[in-house]
Amino acid sequence: MKVYTKTGDKGTTALFGGTRVPKHHIRIESYGTVDELNSYIGLIRDQEIDAHYKTVLAEIQDRLFTVGAILATPPEKETLKNGQPRLQNLGLVETDIEFLEKEIDTMEESLPQMTHFVLPGGHTTVSYCHIARCVCRRAERLSVHLNDLEPTDELVLTYLNRLSDYLFVLARKLSQDLNAEEVKWIPKK
């Protein structure tokens, strides 16, 4: 299989199932942003961090491929001709969200309570987490927009929301683990 197909040269691309849409379609923006997020998470995973976080991030990357597949499938293509769900073996499940919540709760046990907003930075790895968090929020906003136009799996929206929380807490935890300064935002008077 060749990487280039030349089918997108005129500004369209195929969704899962073959429907062609413009490359600026909200569905493409949604799963394209999830792909961007996945790349940033790979960047975090490549840093010198605890092996447990690397394992969790690899699981998240796997789930994000599932999210991308769900978002790349228009509603009319979600069911096969035999009536079976096209993505029946790929779908997100509640335990994917519970997994993130458990990881958040575990990290928060060792963190000081937040009293102020935190400025991104303090260490390159922490900054990568904040970038990924922002990209995740954008992916969530785009997916919500898509959902307003064409209903999509609600677990996708919940997963992206919880993942941005996870990335924020991971940034705080890595600040602690790396002895980086966590700079509080104190509004000027």
N, C-alpha and C. Protein backbone atom coordinates (compact mmCIF):
# COMPACT_ATOMS: atom_id res chain seq x y z
N MET A 1 0.85 -1.17 0.00
CA MET A 1 0.00 0.00 0.00
C MET A 1 0.89 1.24 0.00
N LYS A 2 0.64 2.15 -0.90
CA LYS A 2 1.42 3.38 -0.98
C LYS A 2 0.87 4.41 0.02
N VAL A 3 1.77 5.26 0.51
CA VAL A 3 1.37 6.33 1.42
C VAL A 3 0.53 7.36 0.67
N TYR A 4 0.93 7.68 -0.54
CA TYR A 4 0.18 8.67 -1.29
C TYR A 4 -0.81 7.99 -2.23
N THR A 5 -2.01 8.53 -2.26
CA THR A 5 -3.06 7.96 -3.11
C THR A 5 -3.52 8.93 -4.18
N LYS A 6 -3.22 10.20 -3.98
CA LYS A 6 -3.60 11.28 -4.89
C LYS A 6 -5.11 11.57 -4.87
N THR A 7 -5.85 10.85 -4.03
CA THR A 7 -7.30 11.06 -3.99
C THR A 7 -7.67 12.33 -3.24
N GLY A 8 -6.75 12.87 -2.47
CA GLY A 8 -7.04 14.09 -1.72
C GLY A 8 -6.49 15.35 -2.35
N ASP A 9 -5.98 15.24 -3.54
CA ASP A 9 -5.34 16.38 -4.20
C ASP A 9 -6.29 17.54 -4.48
N LYS A 10 -7.55 17.29 -4.50
CA LYS A 10 -8.53 18.35 -4.80
C LYS A 10 -9.22 18.86 -3.54
N GLY A 11 -8.66 18.52 -2.37
CA GLY A 11 -9.18 19.09 -1.13
C GLY A 11 -10.28 18.29 -0.44
N THR A 12 -10.44 17.02 -0.82
CA THR A 12 -11.41 16.18 -0.13
C THR A 12 -10.69 14.97 0.44
N THR A 13 -11.34 14.30 1.37
CA THR A 13 -10.80 13.08 1.96
C THR A 13 -11.96 12.14 2.26
N ALA A 14 -11.63 10.87 2.42
CA ALA A 14 -12.67 9.87 2.67
C ALA A 14 -12.80 9.60 4.17
N LEU A 15 -14.03 9.54 4.62
CA LEU A 15 -14.33 9.10 5.97
C LEU A 15 -14.34 7.58 6.00
N PHE A 16 -14.40 7.01 7.20
CA PHE A 16 -14.54 5.57 7.33
C PHE A 16 -15.85 5.16 6.67
N GLY A 17 -15.79 4.26 5.72
CA GLY A 17 -16.98 3.87 4.99
C GLY A 17 -17.02 4.44 3.58
N GLY A 18 -16.11 5.38 3.26
CA GLY A 18 -15.97 5.86 1.89
C GLY A 18 -16.57 7.21 1.55
N THR A 19 -17.42 7.77 2.40
CA THR A 19 -18.01 9.08 2.11
C THR A 19 -16.90 10.12 2.01
N ARG A 20 -16.92 10.92 0.95
CA ARG A 20 -15.91 11.96 0.77
C ARG A 20 -16.45 13.30 1.27
N VAL A 21 -15.59 14.02 1.97
CA VAL A 21 -15.95 15.34 2.51
C VAL A 21 -14.77 16.27 2.32
N PRO A 22 -15.01 17.60 2.39
CA PRO A 22 -13.90 18.55 2.31
C PRO A 22 -12.95 18.35 3.50
N LYS A 23 -11.69 18.61 3.30
CA LYS A 23 -10.70 18.41 4.36
C LYS A 23 -10.90 19.37 5.54
N HIS A 24 -11.71 20.40 5.34
CA HIS A 24 -11.99 21.33 6.44
C HIS A 24 -13.28 20.97 7.18
N HIS A 25 -13.91 19.85 6.84
CA HIS A 25 -15.15 19.40 7.48
C HIS A 25 -14.92 19.24 8.98
N ILE A 26 -15.90 19.55 9.78
CA ILE A 26 -15.79 19.50 11.24
C ILE A 26 -15.40 18.09 11.72
N ARG A 27 -15.85 17.08 11.01
CA ARG A 27 -15.49 15.70 11.39
C ARG A 27 -13.98 15.49 11.22
N ILE A 28 -13.43 16.03 10.13
CA ILE A 28 -11.98 15.91 9.88
C ILE A 28 -11.21 16.73 10.92
N GLU A 29 -11.69 17.94 11.20
CA GLU A 29 -11.06 18.78 12.23
C GLU A 29 -11.05 18.05 13.58
N SER A 30 -12.15 17.37 13.89
CA SER A 30 -12.26 16.66 15.18
C SER A 30 -11.22 15.56 15.29
N TYR A 31 -11.24 14.63 14.32
CA TYR A 31 -10.31 13.51 14.50
C TYR A 31 -8.88 13.91 14.15
N GLY A 32 -8.71 14.94 13.34
CA GLY A 32 -7.36 15.45 13.08
C GLY A 32 -6.74 16.04 14.33
N THR A 33 -7.54 16.71 15.12
CA THR A 33 -7.04 17.29 16.38
C THR A 33 -6.76 16.18 17.39
N VAL A 34 -7.55 15.13 17.39
CA VAL A 34 -7.26 13.97 18.24
C VAL A 34 -5.93 13.35 17.83
N ASP A 35 -5.65 13.29 16.53
CA ASP A 35 -4.38 12.77 16.04
C ASP A 35 -3.23 13.66 16.51
N GLU A 36 -3.42 14.98 16.43
CA GLU A 36 -2.41 15.91 16.93
C GLU A 36 -2.16 15.68 18.42
N LEU A 37 -3.23 15.52 19.17
CA LEU A 37 -3.12 15.24 20.60
C LEU A 37 -2.31 13.97 20.84
N ASN A 38 -2.60 12.94 20.07
CA ASN A 38 -1.91 11.67 20.22
C ASN A 38 -0.41 11.85 20.01
N SER A 39 -0.03 12.71 19.07
CA SER A 39 1.39 12.98 18.81
C SER A 39 2.04 13.66 20.00
N TYR A 40 1.35 14.63 20.59
CA TYR A 40 1.91 15.29 21.78
C TYR A 40 2.02 14.33 22.95
N ILE A 41 1.08 13.43 23.08
CA ILE A 41 1.16 12.46 24.17
C ILE A 41 2.36 11.54 23.93
N GLY A 42 2.63 11.21 22.67
CA GLY A 42 3.84 10.44 22.36
C GLY A 42 5.09 11.21 22.76
N LEU A 43 5.09 12.51 22.58
CA LEU A 43 6.21 13.34 22.97
C LEU A 43 6.41 13.30 24.49
N ILE A 44 5.33 13.36 25.24
CA ILE A 44 5.42 13.27 26.71
C ILE A 44 5.97 11.90 27.10
N ARG A 45 5.46 10.86 26.45
CA ARG A 45 5.88 9.49 26.77
C ARG A 45 7.36 9.28 26.48
N ASP A 46 7.92 10.04 25.54
CA ASP A 46 9.34 9.92 25.20
C ASP A 46 10.27 10.63 26.18
N GLN A 47 9.72 11.32 27.16
CA GLN A 47 10.53 12.05 28.13
C GLN A 47 11.01 11.10 29.24
N GLU A 48 11.93 11.59 30.04
CA GLU A 48 12.44 10.81 31.18
C GLU A 48 11.44 10.93 32.33
N ILE A 49 10.42 10.08 32.30
CA ILE A 49 9.39 10.06 33.34
C ILE A 49 9.23 8.64 33.85
N ASP A 50 8.54 8.50 34.95
CA ASP A 50 8.29 7.20 35.57
C ASP A 50 7.65 6.24 34.56
N ALA A 51 8.07 4.98 34.63
CA ALA A 51 7.56 3.95 33.72
C ALA A 51 6.05 3.81 33.81
N HIS A 52 5.49 4.02 34.99
CA HIS A 52 4.03 3.91 35.14
C HIS A 52 3.32 4.92 34.25
N TYR A 53 3.80 6.15 34.23
CA TYR A 53 3.18 7.18 33.39
C TYR A 53 3.31 6.81 31.91
N LYS A 54 4.44 6.24 31.53
CA LYS A 54 4.64 5.83 30.14
C LYS A 54 3.62 4.76 29.76
N THR A 55 3.37 3.83 30.67
CA THR A 55 2.38 2.78 30.41
C THR A 55 0.98 3.37 30.28
N VAL A 56 0.63 4.28 31.17
CA VAL A 56 -0.68 4.94 31.12
C VAL A 56 -0.82 5.72 29.82
N LEU A 57 0.21 6.46 29.45
CA LEU A 57 0.16 7.25 28.22
C LEU A 57 0.04 6.37 26.98
N ALA A 58 0.68 5.22 26.98
CA ALA A 58 0.54 4.29 25.86
C ALA A 58 -0.90 3.79 25.76
N GLU A 59 -1.53 3.51 26.89
CA GLU A 59 -2.94 3.10 26.90
C GLU A 59 -3.82 4.24 26.37
N ILE A 60 -3.53 5.46 26.77
CA ILE A 60 -4.29 6.63 26.30
C ILE A 60 -4.12 6.75 24.78
N GLN A 61 -2.91 6.56 24.28
CA GLN A 61 -2.70 6.65 22.84
C GLN A 61 -3.53 5.61 22.09
N ASP A 62 -3.61 4.42 22.64
CA ASP A 62 -4.46 3.39 22.05
C ASP A 62 -5.92 3.83 22.01
N ARG A 63 -6.40 4.36 23.12
CA ARG A 63 -7.78 4.82 23.21
C ARG A 63 -8.03 5.97 22.25
N LEU A 64 -7.04 6.83 22.05
CA LEU A 64 -7.22 7.95 21.12
C LEU A 64 -7.34 7.48 19.68
N PHE A 65 -6.70 6.37 19.33
CA PHE A 65 -6.93 5.81 17.99
C PHE A 65 -8.37 5.35 17.86
N THR A 66 -8.91 4.80 18.94
CA THR A 66 -10.32 4.41 18.94
C THR A 66 -11.21 5.64 18.80
N VAL A 67 -10.91 6.68 19.55
CA VAL A 67 -11.67 7.93 19.45
C VAL A 67 -11.64 8.44 18.01
N GLY A 68 -10.45 8.43 17.42
CA GLY A 68 -10.32 8.88 16.03
C GLY A 68 -11.17 8.05 15.07
N ALA A 69 -11.19 6.74 15.27
CA ALA A 69 -12.00 5.87 14.41
C ALA A 69 -13.48 6.18 14.57
N ILE A 70 -13.90 6.42 15.80
CA ILE A 70 -15.31 6.76 16.05
C ILE A 70 -15.66 8.07 15.37
N LEU A 71 -14.79 9.07 15.53
CA LEU A 71 -15.05 10.38 14.93
C LEU A 71 -14.97 10.35 13.41
N ALA A 72 -14.21 9.41 12.85
CA ALA A 72 -14.07 9.31 11.40
C ALA A 72 -15.22 8.55 10.75
N THR A 73 -16.14 8.06 11.55
CA THR A 73 -17.25 7.28 11.03
C THR A 73 -18.54 8.09 11.06
N PRO A 74 -19.07 8.45 9.89
CA PRO A 74 -20.33 9.20 9.88
C PRO A 74 -21.48 8.31 10.35
N PRO A 75 -22.54 8.92 10.90
CA PRO A 75 -23.65 8.13 11.47
C PRO A 75 -24.23 7.10 10.50
N GLU A 76 -24.30 7.45 9.22
CA GLU A 76 -24.90 6.51 8.26
C GLU A 76 -24.02 5.29 8.00
N LYS A 77 -22.77 5.31 8.45
CA LYS A 77 -21.86 4.18 8.23
C LYS A 77 -21.54 3.43 9.53
N GLU A 78 -22.23 3.78 10.63
CA GLU A 78 -21.94 3.15 11.91
C GLU A 78 -22.40 1.70 11.98
N THR A 79 -23.33 1.31 11.12
CA THR A 79 -23.87 -0.04 11.15
C THR A 79 -23.54 -0.74 9.83
N LEU A 80 -23.09 -1.98 9.94
CA LEU A 80 -22.81 -2.79 8.75
C LEU A 80 -24.12 -3.26 8.12
N LYS A 81 -24.04 -3.77 6.92
CA LYS A 81 -25.24 -4.24 6.21
C LYS A 81 -25.96 -5.35 6.97
N ASN A 82 -25.24 -6.12 7.77
CA ASN A 82 -25.88 -7.19 8.55
C ASN A 82 -26.46 -6.69 9.88
N GLY A 83 -26.41 -5.37 10.09
CA GLY A 83 -26.98 -4.77 11.30
C GLY A 83 -26.03 -4.67 12.48
N GLN A 84 -24.83 -5.22 12.36
CA GLN A 84 -23.85 -5.16 13.44
C GLN A 84 -23.16 -3.80 13.46
N PRO A 85 -22.84 -3.31 14.67
CA PRO A 85 -22.09 -2.04 14.74
C PRO A 85 -20.72 -2.21 14.10
N ARG A 86 -20.34 -1.25 13.25
CA ARG A 86 -19.06 -1.30 12.54
C ARG A 86 -17.90 -1.30 13.53
N LEU A 87 -18.01 -0.55 14.59
CA LEU A 87 -16.91 -0.40 15.54
C LEU A 87 -17.15 -1.18 16.83
N GLN A 88 -17.88 -2.29 16.76
CA GLN A 88 -18.27 -2.99 17.97
C GLN A 88 -17.08 -3.45 18.81
N ASN A 89 -15.96 -3.76 18.19
CA ASN A 89 -14.81 -4.21 18.96
C ASN A 89 -13.85 -3.07 19.30
N LEU A 90 -14.15 -1.88 18.85
CA LEU A 90 -13.25 -0.75 19.07
C LEU A 90 -13.78 0.26 20.07
N GLY A 91 -15.06 0.26 20.33
CA GLY A 91 -15.69 1.33 21.07
C GLY A 91 -15.10 1.63 22.43
N LEU A 92 -15.29 2.85 22.85
CA LEU A 92 -14.93 3.24 24.20
C LEU A 92 -15.93 2.63 25.17
N VAL A 93 -15.48 2.38 26.38
CA VAL A 93 -16.36 1.87 27.42
C VAL A 93 -16.16 2.70 28.68
N GLU A 94 -17.11 2.61 29.57
CA GLU A 94 -17.06 3.39 30.82
C GLU A 94 -15.75 3.15 31.58
N THR A 95 -15.21 1.94 31.50
CA THR A 95 -13.99 1.65 32.25
C THR A 95 -12.80 2.46 31.72
N ASP A 96 -12.84 2.91 30.47
CA ASP A 96 -11.78 3.78 29.95
C ASP A 96 -11.78 5.11 30.70
N ILE A 97 -12.95 5.61 30.99
CA ILE A 97 -13.08 6.87 31.73
C ILE A 97 -12.72 6.66 33.20
N GLU A 98 -13.20 5.54 33.76
CA GLU A 98 -12.89 5.22 35.15
C GLU A 98 -11.38 5.06 35.35
N PHE A 99 -10.70 4.51 34.35
CA PHE A 99 -9.25 4.36 34.39
C PHE A 99 -8.57 5.73 34.56
N LEU A 100 -9.00 6.70 33.76
CA LEU A 100 -8.43 8.05 33.87
C LEU A 100 -8.73 8.65 35.24
N GLU A 101 -9.96 8.48 35.72
CA GLU A 101 -10.35 9.04 37.01
C GLU A 101 -9.52 8.43 38.14
N LYS A 102 -9.27 7.14 38.07
CA LYS A 102 -8.45 6.47 39.09
C LYS A 102 -7.03 7.02 39.07
N GLU A 103 -6.49 7.20 37.87
CA GLU A 103 -5.14 7.76 37.75
C GLU A 103 -5.07 9.18 38.29
N ILE A 104 -6.09 9.98 38.01
CA ILE A 104 -6.15 11.35 38.53
C ILE A 104 -6.18 11.32 40.05
N ASP A 105 -7.07 10.50 40.61
CA ASP A 105 -7.21 10.42 42.07
C ASP A 105 -5.90 9.99 42.72
N THR A 106 -5.21 9.03 42.13
CA THR A 106 -3.95 8.54 42.69
C THR A 106 -2.90 9.64 42.69
N MET A 107 -2.79 10.38 41.60
CA MET A 107 -1.79 11.45 41.53
C MET A 107 -2.13 12.56 42.52
N GLU A 108 -3.41 12.90 42.62
CA GLU A 108 -3.81 14.00 43.49
C GLU A 108 -3.56 13.73 44.96
N GLU A 109 -3.48 12.46 45.35
CA GLU A 109 -3.24 12.11 46.76
C GLU A 109 -1.93 12.70 47.27
N SER A 110 -0.95 12.84 46.39
CA SER A 110 0.36 13.33 46.83
C SER A 110 0.60 14.80 46.48
N LEU A 111 -0.38 15.45 45.87
CA LEU A 111 -0.19 16.84 45.46
C LEU A 111 -0.80 17.80 46.47
N PRO A 112 -0.17 18.97 46.64
CA PRO A 112 -0.78 19.97 47.50
C PRO A 112 -2.07 20.49 46.87
N GLN A 113 -2.99 20.90 47.70
CA GLN A 113 -4.26 21.43 47.20
C GLN A 113 -3.99 22.69 46.38
N MET A 114 -4.74 22.83 45.30
CA MET A 114 -4.59 24.03 44.46
C MET A 114 -5.29 25.20 45.12
N THR A 115 -4.60 26.32 45.18
CA THR A 115 -5.19 27.55 45.72
C THR A 115 -5.27 28.64 44.67
N HIS A 116 -4.57 28.44 43.54
CA HIS A 116 -4.53 29.41 42.46
C HIS A 116 -4.43 28.67 41.13
N PHE A 117 -4.70 29.37 40.05
CA PHE A 117 -4.39 28.82 38.74
C PHE A 117 -2.88 28.65 38.64
N VAL A 118 -2.45 27.73 37.79
CA VAL A 118 -1.04 27.45 37.62
C VAL A 118 -0.62 27.89 36.22
N LEU A 119 0.49 28.62 36.15
CA LEU A 119 1.03 29.02 34.86
C LEU A 119 1.75 27.83 34.23
N PRO A 120 1.49 27.52 32.97
CA PRO A 120 2.21 26.43 32.33
C PRO A 120 3.71 26.73 32.31
N GLY A 121 4.50 25.70 32.52
CA GLY A 121 5.95 25.85 32.48
C GLY A 121 6.63 25.24 33.68
N GLY A 122 7.88 25.59 33.85
CA GLY A 122 8.67 25.10 34.97
C GLY A 122 9.63 24.00 34.56
N HIS A 123 9.27 23.26 33.53
CA HIS A 123 10.11 22.17 33.02
C HIS A 123 9.56 21.80 31.64
N THR A 124 10.44 21.45 30.74
CA THR A 124 10.01 21.13 29.37
C THR A 124 8.94 20.05 29.36
N THR A 125 9.12 18.99 30.13
CA THR A 125 8.15 17.90 30.15
C THR A 125 6.79 18.37 30.65
N VAL A 126 6.80 19.22 31.66
CA VAL A 126 5.56 19.79 32.20
C VAL A 126 4.88 20.64 31.13
N SER A 127 5.67 21.41 30.41
CA SER A 127 5.12 22.25 29.34
C SER A 127 4.48 21.41 28.25
N TYR A 128 5.09 20.27 27.91
CA TYR A 128 4.49 19.37 26.93
C TYR A 128 3.11 18.89 27.41
N CYS A 129 3.00 18.62 28.71
CA CYS A 129 1.69 18.20 29.26
C CYS A 129 0.66 19.31 29.09
N HIS A 130 1.06 20.54 29.34
CA HIS A 130 0.12 21.65 29.20
C HIS A 130 -0.27 21.86 27.73
N ILE A 131 0.68 21.69 26.82
CA ILE A 131 0.33 21.80 25.40
C ILE A 131 -0.67 20.71 25.04
N ALA A 132 -0.41 19.48 25.47
CA ALA A 132 -1.32 18.37 25.19
C ALA A 132 -2.70 18.64 25.80
N ARG A 133 -2.73 19.20 26.99
CA ARG A 133 -4.01 19.54 27.64
C ARG A 133 -4.79 20.53 26.79
N CYS A 134 -4.11 21.55 26.28
CA CYS A 134 -4.79 22.55 25.44
C CYS A 134 -5.29 21.94 24.14
N VAL A 135 -4.49 21.09 23.52
CA VAL A 135 -4.92 20.42 22.29
C VAL A 135 -6.10 19.51 22.58
N CYS A 136 -6.08 18.86 23.74
CA CYS A 136 -7.19 18.00 24.14
C CYS A 136 -8.47 18.81 24.30
N ARG A 137 -8.38 19.97 24.91
CA ARG A 137 -9.55 20.83 25.06
C ARG A 137 -10.09 21.27 23.69
N ARG A 138 -9.18 21.54 22.77
CA ARG A 138 -9.62 21.92 21.41
C ARG A 138 -10.31 20.73 20.74
N ALA A 139 -9.75 19.54 20.90
CA ALA A 139 -10.38 18.34 20.34
C ALA A 139 -11.77 18.15 20.94
N GLU A 140 -11.89 18.41 22.22
CA GLU A 140 -13.19 18.30 22.88
C GLU A 140 -14.18 19.32 22.31
N ARG A 141 -13.74 20.57 22.17
CA ARG A 141 -14.64 21.60 21.62
C ARG A 141 -15.10 21.25 20.21
N LEU A 142 -14.17 20.79 19.39
CA LEU A 142 -14.53 20.41 18.02
C LEU A 142 -15.48 19.22 18.00
N SER A 143 -15.25 18.27 18.89
CA SER A 143 -16.12 17.09 18.96
C SER A 143 -17.51 17.46 19.46
N VAL A 144 -17.59 18.40 20.39
CA VAL A 144 -18.89 18.89 20.84
C VAL A 144 -19.62 19.57 19.69
N HIS A 145 -18.89 20.37 18.92
CA HIS A 145 -19.48 21.03 17.75
C HIS A 145 -20.00 19.97 16.77
N LEU A 146 -19.17 18.96 16.50
CA LEU A 146 -19.60 17.88 15.62
C LEU A 146 -20.85 17.20 16.17
N ASN A 147 -20.88 16.95 17.46
CA ASN A 147 -22.01 16.30 18.10
C ASN A 147 -23.29 17.14 17.96
N ASP A 148 -23.15 18.45 17.96
CA ASP A 148 -24.30 19.33 17.75
C ASP A 148 -24.87 19.18 16.34
N LEU A 149 -23.99 18.87 15.38
CA LEU A 149 -24.42 18.73 13.98
C LEU A 149 -24.85 17.30 13.65
N GLU A 150 -24.08 16.34 14.12
CA GLU A 150 -24.33 14.92 13.87
C GLU A 150 -24.00 14.17 15.15
N PRO A 151 -25.00 13.65 15.84
CA PRO A 151 -24.72 12.98 17.12
C PRO A 151 -23.62 11.92 17.00
N THR A 152 -22.73 11.95 17.97
CA THR A 152 -21.63 10.99 18.03
C THR A 152 -21.66 10.31 19.39
N ASP A 153 -20.80 9.37 19.58
CA ASP A 153 -20.73 8.61 20.83
C ASP A 153 -20.43 9.58 21.98
N GLU A 154 -21.34 9.64 22.96
CA GLU A 154 -21.17 10.57 24.09
C GLU A 154 -19.93 10.23 24.92
N LEU A 155 -19.51 8.97 24.90
CA LEU A 155 -18.32 8.61 25.65
C LEU A 155 -17.07 9.29 25.09
N VAL A 156 -17.09 9.62 23.81
CA VAL A 156 -15.97 10.36 23.21
C VAL A 156 -15.84 11.72 23.90
N LEU A 157 -16.96 12.39 24.07
CA LEU A 157 -16.93 13.72 24.70
C LEU A 157 -16.48 13.62 26.15
N THR A 158 -17.00 12.63 26.86
CA THR A 158 -16.61 12.44 28.26
C THR A 158 -15.14 12.07 28.36
N TYR A 159 -14.69 11.18 27.49
CA TYR A 159 -13.29 10.76 27.53
C TYR A 159 -12.35 11.94 27.30
N LEU A 160 -12.63 12.76 26.31
CA LEU A 160 -11.77 13.91 26.03
C LEU A 160 -11.78 14.90 27.19
N ASN A 161 -12.94 15.08 27.80
CA ASN A 161 -13.04 15.97 28.95
C ASN A 161 -12.18 15.46 30.10
N ARG A 162 -12.30 14.17 30.40
CA ARG A 162 -11.54 13.60 31.50
C ARG A 162 -10.06 13.55 31.19
N LEU A 163 -9.73 13.32 29.92
CA LEU A 163 -8.32 13.27 29.54
C LEU A 163 -7.65 14.62 29.74
N SER A 164 -8.33 15.70 29.46
CA SER A 164 -7.72 17.02 29.69
C SER A 164 -7.47 17.22 31.18
N ASP A 165 -8.39 16.73 32.02
CA ASP A 165 -8.17 16.79 33.47
C ASP A 165 -6.93 15.97 33.85
N TYR A 166 -6.85 14.77 33.28
CA TYR A 166 -5.70 13.90 33.56
C TYR A 166 -4.39 14.61 33.19
N LEU A 167 -4.35 15.23 32.01
CA LEU A 167 -3.13 15.88 31.55
C LEU A 167 -2.74 17.05 32.45
N PHE A 168 -3.75 17.77 32.97
CA PHE A 168 -3.46 18.86 33.90
C PHE A 168 -2.84 18.32 35.18
N VAL A 169 -3.45 17.27 35.73
CA VAL A 169 -2.94 16.71 36.97
C VAL A 169 -1.57 16.06 36.74
N LEU A 170 -1.38 15.43 35.57
CA LEU A 170 -0.07 14.86 35.25
C LEU A 170 0.98 15.96 35.22
N ALA A 171 0.65 17.11 34.66
CA ALA A 171 1.59 18.24 34.64
C ALA A 171 1.98 18.63 36.06
N ARG A 172 0.99 18.70 36.94
CA ARG A 172 1.28 19.04 38.34
C ARG A 172 2.14 17.97 39.00
N LYS A 173 1.80 16.71 38.75
CA LYS A 173 2.54 15.60 39.37
C LYS A 173 3.97 15.55 38.84
N LEU A 174 4.14 15.78 37.56
CA LEU A 174 5.50 15.79 37.01
C LEU A 174 6.30 16.98 37.53
N SER A 175 5.63 18.10 37.77
CA SER A 175 6.33 19.23 38.40
C SER A 175 6.89 18.80 39.75
N GLN A 176 6.08 18.08 40.49
CA GLN A 176 6.52 17.59 41.80
C GLN A 176 7.65 16.58 41.64
N ASP A 177 7.47 15.60 40.76
CA ASP A 177 8.47 14.54 40.58
C ASP A 177 9.80 15.09 40.07
N LEU A 178 9.75 16.12 39.23
CA LEU A 178 10.96 16.69 38.63
C LEU A 178 11.53 17.87 39.43
N ASN A 179 10.93 18.13 40.59
CA ASN A 179 11.35 19.26 41.43
C ASN A 179 11.32 20.57 40.66
N ALA A 180 10.31 20.71 39.81
CA ALA A 180 10.14 21.95 39.05
C ALA A 180 9.23 22.88 39.83
N GLU A 181 9.46 24.16 39.66
CA GLU A 181 8.62 25.14 40.34
C GLU A 181 7.24 25.19 39.68
N GLU A 182 6.22 25.11 40.51
CA GLU A 182 4.85 25.29 40.02
C GLU A 182 4.48 26.73 40.30
N VAL A 183 4.41 27.53 39.24
CA VAL A 183 4.20 28.96 39.39
C VAL A 183 2.71 29.25 39.45
N LYS A 184 2.30 29.83 40.55
CA LYS A 184 0.90 30.19 40.72
C LYS A 184 0.63 31.51 40.00
N TRP A 185 -0.54 31.61 39.42
CA TRP A 185 -0.93 32.86 38.79
C TRP A 185 -1.63 33.70 39.84
N ILE A 186 -1.01 34.82 40.15
CA ILE A 186 -1.56 35.78 41.11
C ILE A 186 -1.94 37.02 40.31
N PRO A 187 -3.24 37.29 40.16
CA PRO A 187 -3.66 38.46 39.37
C PRO A 187 -3.08 39.75 39.94
N LYS A 188 -2.66 40.65 39.06
CA LYS A 188 -2.17 41.95 39.49
C LYS A 188 -3.34 42.79 39.96
N LYS A 189 -3.06 43.59 40.93
CA LYS A 189 -4.13 44.46 41.48
C LYS A 189 -4.12 45.80 40.80
